[in-house]
Amino acid sequence: EGTVKRREFVEKLFRCAIDNGETKTELTAND
């Protein structure tokens, strides 16, 4: 549970950064 929550949180931040146009990469939030 702790590891999954940690990973999901980081992925959420990357997803929001991508959605907000803060990144210019082909990599996904998961990547």
ModelCIF file with pLDDT and N, C-alpha, C, O atoms, coordinates in Angstrom:
data_MODEL
#
_entry.id   MODEL 
#
_entity.id                         1 
_entity.type                       polymer 
_entity.pdbx_number_of_molecules   1 
#
_entity_poly.entity_id                      1 
_entity_poly.type                           'polypeptide(L)' 
_entity_poly.nstd_linkage                   no 
_entity_poly.nstd_monomer                   no 
_entity_poly.pdbx_seq_one_letter_code       EGTVKRREFVEKLFRCAIDNGETKTELTAND 
_entity_poly.pdbx_seq_one_letter_code_can   EGTVKRREFVEKLFRCAIDNGETKTELTAND 
_entity_poly.pdbx_strand_id                 A 
#
loop_
_entity_poly_seq.entity_id 
_entity_poly_seq.num 
_entity_poly_seq.mon_id 
_entity_poly_seq.hetero 
1 1  GLU n 
1 2  GLY n 
1 3  THR n 
1 4  VAL n 
1 5  LYS n 
1 6  ARG n 
1 7  ARG n 
1 8  GLU n 
1 9  PHE n 
1 10 VAL n 
1 11 GLU n 
1 12 LYS n 
1 13 LEU n 
1 14 PHE n 
1 15 ARG n 
1 16 CYS n 
1 17 ALA n 
1 18 ILE n 
1 19 ASP n 
1 20 ASN n 
1 21 GLY n 
1 22 GLU n 
1 23 THR n 
1 24 LYS n 
1 25 THR n 
1 26 GLU n 
1 27 LEU n 
1 28 THR n 
1 29 ALA n 
1 30 ASN n 
1 31 ASP n 
#
_struct_asym.id          A 
_struct_asym.entity_id   1 
#
loop_
_ma_qa_metric.id 
_ma_qa_metric.mode 
_ma_qa_metric.name 
_ma_qa_metric.software_group_id 
_ma_qa_metric.type 
1 global pLDDT . pLDDT 
2 local  pLDDT . pLDDT 
#
_ma_qa_metric_global.metric_id      1 
_ma_qa_metric_global.metric_value   95.90 
_ma_qa_metric_global.model_id       1 
_ma_qa_metric_global.ordinal_id     1 
#
loop_
_ma_qa_metric_local.label_asym_id 
_ma_qa_metric_local.label_comp_id 
_ma_qa_metric_local.label_seq_id 
_ma_qa_metric_local.metric_id 
_ma_qa_metric_local.metric_value 
_ma_qa_metric_local.model_id 
_ma_qa_metric_local.ordinal_id 
A GLU 1  2 97.00 1 1  
A GLY 2  2 95.00 1 2  
A THR 3  2 95.00 1 3  
A VAL 4  2 96.00 1 4  
A LYS 5  2 96.00 1 5  
A ARG 6  2 95.00 1 6  
A ARG 7  2 96.00 1 7  
A GLU 8  2 97.00 1 8  
A PHE 9  2 97.00 1 9  
A VAL 10 2 97.00 1 10 
A GLU 11 2 98.00 1 11 
A LYS 12 2 98.00 1 12 
A LEU 13 2 98.00 1 13 
A PHE 14 2 97.00 1 14 
A ARG 15 2 97.00 1 15 
A CYS 16 2 97.00 1 16 
A ALA 17 2 97.00 1 17 
A ILE 18 2 97.00 1 18 
A ASP 19 2 96.00 1 19 
A ASN 20 2 96.00 1 20 
A GLY 21 2 96.00 1 21 
A GLU 22 2 96.00 1 22 
A THR 23 2 95.00 1 23 
A LYS 24 2 91.00 1 24 
A THR 25 2 88.00 1 25 
A GLU 26 2 92.00 1 26 
A LEU 27 2 95.00 1 27 
A THR 28 2 97.00 1 28 
A ALA 29 2 97.00 1 29 
A ASN 30 2 97.00 1 30 
A ASP 31 2 97.00 1 31 
#
loop_
_atom_site.group_PDB 
_atom_site.id 
_atom_site.type_symbol 
_atom_site.label_atom_id 
_atom_site.label_alt_id 
_atom_site.label_comp_id 
_atom_site.label_asym_id 
_atom_site.label_entity_id 
_atom_site.label_seq_id 
_atom_site.pdbx_PDB_ins_code 
_atom_site.Cartn_x 
_atom_site.Cartn_y 
_atom_site.Cartn_z 
_atom_site.occupancy 
_atom_site.B_iso_or_equiv 
_atom_site.pdbx_formal_charge 
_atom_site.auth_seq_id 
_atom_site.auth_comp_id 
_atom_site.auth_asym_id 
_atom_site.auth_atom_id 
_atom_site.pdbx_PDB_model_num 
ATOM 1   N N  . GLU A 1 1  ? 0.826  -1.211 0.000   1.00 97.00 ? 1  GLU A N  1 
ATOM 2   C CA . GLU A 1 1  ? 0.000  0.000  0.000   1.00 97.00 ? 1  GLU A CA 1 
ATOM 3   C C  . GLU A 1 1  ? 0.860  1.262  0.000   1.00 97.00 ? 1  GLU A C  1 
ATOM 4   O O  . GLU A 1 1  ? 0.591  2.194  -0.758  1.00 97.00 ? 1  GLU A O  1 
ATOM 5   N N  . GLY A 1 2  ? 1.889  1.299  0.840   1.00 95.00 ? 2  GLY A N  1 
ATOM 6   C CA . GLY A 1 2  ? 2.750  2.476  0.917   1.00 95.00 ? 2  GLY A CA 1 
ATOM 7   C C  . GLY A 1 2  ? 3.492  2.735  -0.377  1.00 95.00 ? 2  GLY A C  1 
ATOM 8   O O  . GLY A 1 2  ? 3.599  3.879  -0.819  1.00 95.00 ? 2  GLY A O  1 
ATOM 9   N N  . THR A 1 3  ? 4.000  1.684  -0.981  1.00 95.00 ? 3  THR A N  1 
ATOM 10  C CA . THR A 1 3  ? 4.742  1.817  -2.233  1.00 95.00 ? 3  THR A CA 1 
ATOM 11  C C  . THR A 1 3  ? 3.831  2.250  -3.372  1.00 95.00 ? 3  THR A C  1 
ATOM 12  O O  . THR A 1 3  ? 4.201  3.108  -4.174  1.00 95.00 ? 3  THR A O  1 
ATOM 13  N N  . VAL A 1 4  ? 2.649  1.663  -3.447  1.00 96.00 ? 4  VAL A N  1 
ATOM 14  C CA . VAL A 1 4  ? 1.700  2.018  -4.502  1.00 96.00 ? 4  VAL A CA 1 
ATOM 15  C C  . VAL A 1 4  ? 1.254  3.471  -4.344  1.00 96.00 ? 4  VAL A C  1 
ATOM 16  O O  . VAL A 1 4  ? 1.179  4.203  -5.331  1.00 96.00 ? 4  VAL A O  1 
ATOM 17  N N  . LYS A 1 5  ? 0.959  3.891  -3.125  1.00 96.00 ? 5  LYS A N  1 
ATOM 18  C CA . LYS A 1 5  ? 0.539  5.285  -2.906  1.00 96.00 ? 5  LYS A CA 1 
ATOM 19  C C  . LYS A 1 5  ? 1.650  6.261  -3.292  1.00 96.00 ? 5  LYS A C  1 
ATOM 20  O O  . LYS A 1 5  ? 1.394  7.303  -3.895  1.00 96.00 ? 5  LYS A O  1 
ATOM 21  N N  . ARG A 1 6  ? 2.877  5.912  -2.938  1.00 95.00 ? 6  ARG A N  1 
ATOM 22  C CA . ARG A 1 6  ? 4.021  6.773  -3.276  1.00 95.00 ? 6  ARG A CA 1 
ATOM 23  C C  . ARG A 1 6  ? 4.137  6.903  -4.787  1.00 95.00 ? 6  ARG A C  1 
ATOM 24  O O  . ARG A 1 6  ? 4.298  8.006  -5.308  1.00 95.00 ? 6  ARG A O  1 
ATOM 25  N N  . ARG A 1 7  ? 4.055  5.785  -5.486  1.00 96.00 ? 7  ARG A N  1 
ATOM 26  C CA . ARG A 1 7  ? 4.177  5.779  -6.942  1.00 96.00 ? 7  ARG A CA 1 
ATOM 27  C C  . ARG A 1 7  ? 3.016  6.521  -7.600  1.00 96.00 ? 7  ARG A C  1 
ATOM 28  O O  . ARG A 1 7  ? 3.223  7.310  -8.521  1.00 96.00 ? 7  ARG A O  1 
ATOM 29  N N  . GLU A 1 8  ? 1.793  6.268  -7.126  1.00 97.00 ? 8  GLU A N  1 
ATOM 30  C CA . GLU A 1 8  ? 0.616  6.944  -7.694  1.00 97.00 ? 8  GLU A CA 1 
ATOM 31  C C  . GLU A 1 8  ? 0.699  8.454  -7.507  1.00 97.00 ? 8  GLU A C  1 
ATOM 32  O O  . GLU A 1 8  ? 0.269  9.212  -8.377  1.00 97.00 ? 8  GLU A O  1 
ATOM 33  N N  . PHE A 1 9  ? 1.243  8.892  -6.392  1.00 97.00 ? 9  PHE A N  1 
ATOM 34  C CA . PHE A 1 9  ? 1.355  10.323 -6.138  1.00 97.00 ? 9  PHE A CA 1 
ATOM 35  C C  . PHE A 1 9  ? 2.319  10.973 -7.128  1.00 97.00 ? 9  PHE A C  1 
ATOM 36  O O  . PHE A 1 9  ? 2.011  12.014 -7.707  1.00 97.00 ? 9  PHE A O  1 
ATOM 37  N N  . VAL A 1 10 ? 3.468  10.365 -7.318  1.00 97.00 ? 10 VAL A N  1 
ATOM 38  C CA . VAL A 1 10 ? 4.447  10.911 -8.269  1.00 97.00 ? 10 VAL A CA 1 
ATOM 39  C C  . VAL A 1 10 ? 3.871  10.894 -9.685  1.00 97.00 ? 10 VAL A C  1 
ATOM 40  O O  . VAL A 1 10 ? 4.031  11.855 -10.437 1.00 97.00 ? 10 VAL A O  1 
ATOM 41  N N  . GLU A 1 11 ? 3.204  9.803  -10.041 1.00 98.00 ? 11 GLU A N  1 
ATOM 42  C CA . GLU A 1 11 ? 2.607  9.716  -11.374 1.00 98.00 ? 11 GLU A CA 1 
ATOM 43  C C  . GLU A 1 11 ? 1.533  10.780 -11.562 1.00 98.00 ? 11 GLU A C  1 
ATOM 44  O O  . GLU A 1 11 ? 1.422  11.367 -12.638 1.00 98.00 ? 11 GLU A O  1 
ATOM 45  N N  . LYS A 1 12 ? 0.750  11.029 -10.532 1.00 98.00 ? 12 LYS A N  1 
ATOM 46  C CA . LYS A 1 12 ? -0.275 12.084 -10.610 1.00 98.00 ? 12 LYS A CA 1 
ATOM 47  C C  . LYS A 1 12 ? 0.367  13.444 -10.865 1.00 98.00 ? 12 LYS A C  1 
ATOM 48  O O  . LYS A 1 12 ? -0.126 14.223 -11.680 1.00 98.00 ? 12 LYS A O  1 
ATOM 49  N N  . LEU A 1 13 ? 1.460  13.727 -10.173 1.00 98.00 ? 13 LEU A N  1 
ATOM 50  C CA . LEU A 1 13 ? 2.143  15.010 -10.373 1.00 98.00 ? 13 LEU A CA 1 
ATOM 51  C C  . LEU A 1 13 ? 2.678  15.127 -11.800 1.00 98.00 ? 13 LEU A C  1 
ATOM 52  O O  . LEU A 1 13 ? 2.554  16.181 -12.423 1.00 98.00 ? 13 LEU A O  1 
ATOM 53  N N  . PHE A 1 14 ? 3.269  14.055 -12.317 1.00 97.00 ? 14 PHE A N  1 
ATOM 54  C CA . PHE A 1 14 ? 3.759  14.090 -13.697 1.00 97.00 ? 14 PHE A CA 1 
ATOM 55  C C  . PHE A 1 14 ? 2.595  14.232 -14.684 1.00 97.00 ? 14 PHE A C  1 
ATOM 56  O O  . PHE A 1 14 ? 2.700  14.973 -15.662 1.00 97.00 ? 14 PHE A O  1 
ATOM 57  N N  . ARG A 1 15 ? 1.491  13.531 -14.433 1.00 97.00 ? 15 ARG A N  1 
ATOM 58  C CA . ARG A 1 15 ? 0.325  13.626 -15.322 1.00 97.00 ? 15 ARG A CA 1 
ATOM 59  C C  . ARG A 1 15 ? -0.198 15.061 -15.356 1.00 97.00 ? 15 ARG A C  1 
ATOM 60  O O  . ARG A 1 15 ? -0.514 15.586 -16.423 1.00 97.00 ? 15 ARG A O  1 
ATOM 61  N N  . CYS A 1 16 ? -0.288 15.692 -14.187 1.00 97.00 ? 16 CYS A N  1 
ATOM 62  C CA . CYS A 1 16 ? -0.760 17.078 -14.123 1.00 97.00 ? 16 CYS A CA 1 
ATOM 63  C C  . CYS A 1 16 ? 0.223  18.027 -14.816 1.00 97.00 ? 16 CYS A C  1 
ATOM 64  O O  . CYS A 1 16 ? -0.194 18.987 -15.464 1.00 97.00 ? 16 CYS A O  1 
ATOM 65  N N  . ALA A 1 17 ? 1.529  17.761 -14.682 1.00 97.00 ? 17 ALA A N  1 
ATOM 66  C CA . ALA A 1 17 ? 2.527  18.590 -15.363 1.00 97.00 ? 17 ALA A CA 1 
ATOM 67  C C  . ALA A 1 17 ? 2.371  18.474 -16.878 1.00 97.00 ? 17 ALA A C  1 
ATOM 68  O O  . ALA A 1 17 ? 2.479  19.467 -17.598 1.00 97.00 ? 17 ALA A O  1 
ATOM 69  N N  . ILE A 1 18 ? 2.119  17.269 -17.353 1.00 97.00 ? 18 ILE A N  1 
ATOM 70  C CA . ILE A 1 18 ? 1.910  17.048 -18.790 1.00 97.00 ? 18 ILE A CA 1 
ATOM 71  C C  . ILE A 1 18 ? 0.633  17.752 -19.244 1.00 97.00 ? 18 ILE A C  1 
ATOM 72  O O  . ILE A 1 18 ? 0.632  18.464 -20.248 1.00 97.00 ? 18 ILE A O  1 
ATOM 73  N N  . ASP A 1 19 ? -0.449 17.548 -18.499 1.00 96.00 ? 19 ASP A N  1 
ATOM 74  C CA . ASP A 1 19 ? -1.735 18.164 -18.845 1.00 96.00 ? 19 ASP A CA 1 
ATOM 75  C C  . ASP A 1 19 ? -1.665 19.689 -18.811 1.00 96.00 ? 19 ASP A C  1 
ATOM 76  O O  . ASP A 1 19 ? -2.375 20.366 -19.554 1.00 96.00 ? 19 ASP A O  1 
ATOM 77  N N  . ASN A 1 20 ? -0.804 20.227 -17.943 1.00 96.00 ? 20 ASN A N  1 
ATOM 78  C CA . ASN A 1 20 ? -0.652 21.673 -17.790 1.00 96.00 ? 20 ASN A CA 1 
ATOM 79  C C  . ASN A 1 20 ? 0.297  22.277 -18.826 1.00 96.00 ? 20 ASN A C  1 
ATOM 80  O O  . ASN A 1 20 ? 0.486  23.493 -18.864 1.00 96.00 ? 20 ASN A O  1 
ATOM 81  N N  . GLY A 1 21 ? 0.891  21.428 -19.661 1.00 96.00 ? 21 GLY A N  1 
ATOM 82  C CA . GLY A 1 21 ? 1.814  21.916 -20.680 1.00 96.00 ? 21 GLY A CA 1 
ATOM 83  C C  . GLY A 1 21 ? 3.190  22.279 -20.128 1.00 96.00 ? 21 GLY A C  1 
ATOM 84  O O  . GLY A 1 21 ? 3.929  23.042 -20.752 1.00 96.00 ? 21 GLY A O  1 
ATOM 85  N N  . GLU A 1 22 ? 3.536  21.737 -18.964 1.00 96.00 ? 22 GLU A N  1 
ATOM 86  C CA . GLU A 1 22 ? 4.834  22.035 -18.362 1.00 96.00 ? 22 GLU A CA 1 
ATOM 87  C C  . GLU A 1 22 ? 5.950  21.183 -18.955 1.00 96.00 ? 22 GLU A C  1 
ATOM 88  O O  . GLU A 1 22 ? 7.128  21.445 -18.712 1.00 96.00 ? 22 GLU A O  1 
ATOM 89  N N  . THR A 1 23 ? 5.587  20.168 -19.726 1.00 95.00 ? 23 THR A N  1 
ATOM 90  C CA . THR A 1 23 ? 6.596  19.277 -20.303 1.00 95.00 ? 23 THR A CA 1 
ATOM 91  C C  . THR A 1 23 ? 6.475  19.242 -21.819 1.00 95.00 ? 23 THR A C  1 
ATOM 92  O O  . THR A 1 23 ? 5.436  19.584 -22.385 1.00 95.00 ? 23 THR A O  1 
ATOM 93  N N  . LYS A 1 24 ? 7.549  18.824 -22.457 1.00 91.00 ? 24 LYS A N  1 
ATOM 94  C CA . LYS A 1 24 ? 7.590  18.686 -23.920 1.00 91.00 ? 24 LYS A CA 1 
ATOM 95  C C  . LYS A 1 24 ? 8.201  17.340 -24.270 1.00 91.00 ? 24 LYS A C  1 
ATOM 96  O O  . LYS A 1 24 ? 9.223  17.273 -24.953 1.00 91.00 ? 24 LYS A O  1 
ATOM 97  N N  . THR A 1 25 ? 7.592  16.302 -23.816 1.00 88.00 ? 25 THR A N  1 
ATOM 98  C CA . THR A 1 25 ? 8.184  14.986 -23.995 1.00 88.00 ? 25 THR A CA 1 
ATOM 99  C C  . THR A 1 25 ? 7.155  13.996 -24.516 1.00 88.00 ? 25 THR A C  1 
ATOM 100 O O  . THR A 1 25 ? 5.950  14.165 -24.328 1.00 88.00 ? 25 THR A O  1 
ATOM 101 N N  . GLU A 1 26 ? 7.653  12.975 -25.165 1.00 92.00 ? 26 GLU A N  1 
ATOM 102 C CA . GLU A 1 26 ? 6.795  11.881 -25.622 1.00 92.00 ? 26 GLU A CA 1 
ATOM 103 C C  . GLU A 1 26 ? 6.568  10.869 -24.500 1.00 92.00 ? 26 GLU A C  1 
ATOM 104 O O  . GLU A 1 26 ? 5.709  9.993  -24.607 1.00 92.00 ? 26 GLU A O  1 
ATOM 105 N N  . LEU A 1 27 ? 7.335  10.996 -23.438 1.00 95.00 ? 27 LEU A N  1 
ATOM 106 C CA . LEU A 1 27 ? 7.199  10.070 -22.316 1.00 95.00 ? 27 LEU A CA 1 
ATOM 107 C C  . LEU A 1 27 ? 5.885  10.306 -21.586 1.00 95.00 ? 27 LEU A C  1 
ATOM 108 O O  . LEU A 1 27 ? 5.447  11.447 -21.440 1.00 95.00 ? 27 LEU A O  1 
ATOM 109 N N  . THR A 1 28 ? 5.266  9.240  -21.134 1.00 97.00 ? 28 THR A N  1 
ATOM 110 C CA . THR A 1 28 ? 4.021  9.342  -20.374 1.00 97.00 ? 28 THR A CA 1 
ATOM 111 C C  . THR A 1 28 ? 4.344  9.614  -18.912 1.00 97.00 ? 28 THR A C  1 
ATOM 112 O O  . THR A 1 28 ? 5.499  9.546  -18.492 1.00 97.00 ? 28 THR A O  1 
ATOM 113 N N  . ALA A 1 29 ? 3.316  9.920  -18.154 1.00 97.00 ? 29 ALA A N  1 
ATOM 114 C CA . ALA A 1 29 ? 3.479  10.112 -16.717 1.00 97.00 ? 29 ALA A CA 1 
ATOM 115 C C  . ALA A 1 29 ? 4.020  8.838  -16.077 1.00 97.00 ? 29 ALA A C  1 
ATOM 116 O O  . ALA A 1 29 ? 4.852  8.890  -15.171 1.00 97.00 ? 29 ALA A O  1 
ATOM 117 N N  . ASN A 1 30 ? 3.541  7.698  -16.557 1.00 97.00 ? 30 ASN A N  1 
ATOM 118 C CA . ASN A 1 30 ? 4.029  6.414  -16.055 1.00 97.00 ? 30 ASN A CA 1 
ATOM 119 C C  . ASN A 1 30 ? 5.517  6.238  -16.363 1.00 97.00 ? 30 ASN A C  1 
ATOM 120 O O  . ASN A 1 30 ? 6.288  5.809  -15.504 1.00 97.00 ? 30 ASN A O  1 
ATOM 121 N N  . ASP A 1 31 ? 5.917  6.575  -17.600 1.00 97.00 ? 31 ASP A N  1 
ATOM 122 C CA . ASP A 1 31 ? 7.330  6.470  -17.981 1.00 97.00 ? 31 ASP A CA 1 
ATOM 123 C C  . ASP A 1 31 ? 8.205  7.342  -17.084 1.00 97.00 ? 31 ASP A C  1 
ATOM 124 O O  . ASP A 1 31 ? 9.423  7.379  -17.258 1.00 97.00 ? 31 ASP A O  1 
#
